[in-house]
Amino acid sequence: MDMRQNFGTLLNQVAIKDEEIVIERAGKPLARLVSMNSATSGKLDFRDIGKLPNDIWNEL
């Protein structure tokens, strides 16, 4: 709920201040919101389902 209500502010934190936001549900991390300029490793291209690890669906 906090994410929905404060999305604009959080987006500014990421884009302008180059911060990283971890999105959680029920205390469990689900995703990261990072700047496009951020150097992150292990990027996946979700446009091509063939690039996803086979065990990703077991973690959901």
Protein backbone atom coordinates (compact mmCIF):
# COMPACT_ATOMS: atom_id res chain seq x y z
CA MET A 1 0.00 0.00 0.00
CA ASP A 2 2.85 2.37 0.83
CA MET A 3 4.34 1.79 -2.61
CA ARG A 4 1.09 2.74 -4.32
CA GLN A 5 0.57 5.87 -2.25
CA ASN A 6 4.15 7.13 -2.56
CA PHE A 7 5.21 5.87 -5.97
CA GLY A 8 6.16 9.32 -7.31
CA THR A 9 8.32 10.09 -4.29
CA LEU A 10 9.99 6.67 -4.40
CA LEU A 11 10.61 7.03 -8.12
CA ASN A 12 12.32 10.37 -7.50
CA GLN A 13 14.50 8.80 -4.80
CA VAL A 14 15.64 6.18 -7.28
CA ALA A 15 16.04 8.43 -10.33
CA ILE A 16 17.45 11.59 -8.76
CA LYS A 17 19.25 10.34 -5.65
CA ASP A 18 20.30 7.03 -7.24
CA GLU A 19 18.87 5.07 -4.31
CA GLU A 20 17.69 1.47 -4.43
CA ILE A 21 14.23 0.51 -3.13
CA VAL A 22 13.43 -3.07 -2.09
CA ILE A 23 9.75 -3.94 -2.49
CA GLU A 24 8.42 -6.45 0.02
CA ARG A 25 5.19 -8.31 0.59
CA ALA A 26 4.51 -9.73 4.05
CA GLY A 27 8.10 -8.97 5.01
CA LYS A 28 9.59 -10.92 2.09
CA PRO A 29 11.56 -9.12 -0.64
CA LEU A 30 9.90 -9.37 -4.05
CA ALA A 31 11.62 -6.84 -6.27
CA ARG A 32 14.09 -3.98 -6.48
CA LEU A 33 13.46 -0.55 -7.93
CA VAL A 34 16.75 0.82 -9.25
CA SER A 35 17.83 3.62 -11.56
CA MET A 36 18.42 2.79 -15.21
CA ASN A 37 21.90 4.28 -14.68
CA SER A 38 22.64 1.91 -11.84
CA ALA A 39 25.25 -0.75 -12.47
CA THR A 40 23.54 -4.00 -11.49
CA SER A 41 24.63 -7.52 -12.17
CA GLY A 42 22.45 -10.44 -13.08
CA LYS A 43 19.95 -8.51 -15.17
CA LEU A 44 17.29 -10.62 -16.85
CA ASP A 45 15.41 -9.63 -19.97
CA PHE A 46 11.82 -10.61 -19.17
CA ARG A 47 10.76 -9.97 -22.75
CA ASP A 48 12.29 -13.32 -23.67
CA ILE A 49 10.91 -16.05 -21.39
CA GLY A 50 13.62 -18.41 -22.67
CA LYS A 51 16.24 -16.41 -20.78
CA LEU A 52 14.62 -17.03 -17.39
CA PRO A 53 16.22 -19.63 -15.14
CA ASN A 54 14.25 -22.90 -15.09
CA ASP A 55 13.83 -22.84 -11.31
CA ILE A 56 12.43 -19.29 -11.10
CA TRP A 57 8.84 -20.54 -10.94
CA ASN A 58 9.65 -22.76 -7.94
CA GLU A 59 10.58 -19.68 -5.93
CA LEU A 60 7.21 -18.01 -6.49
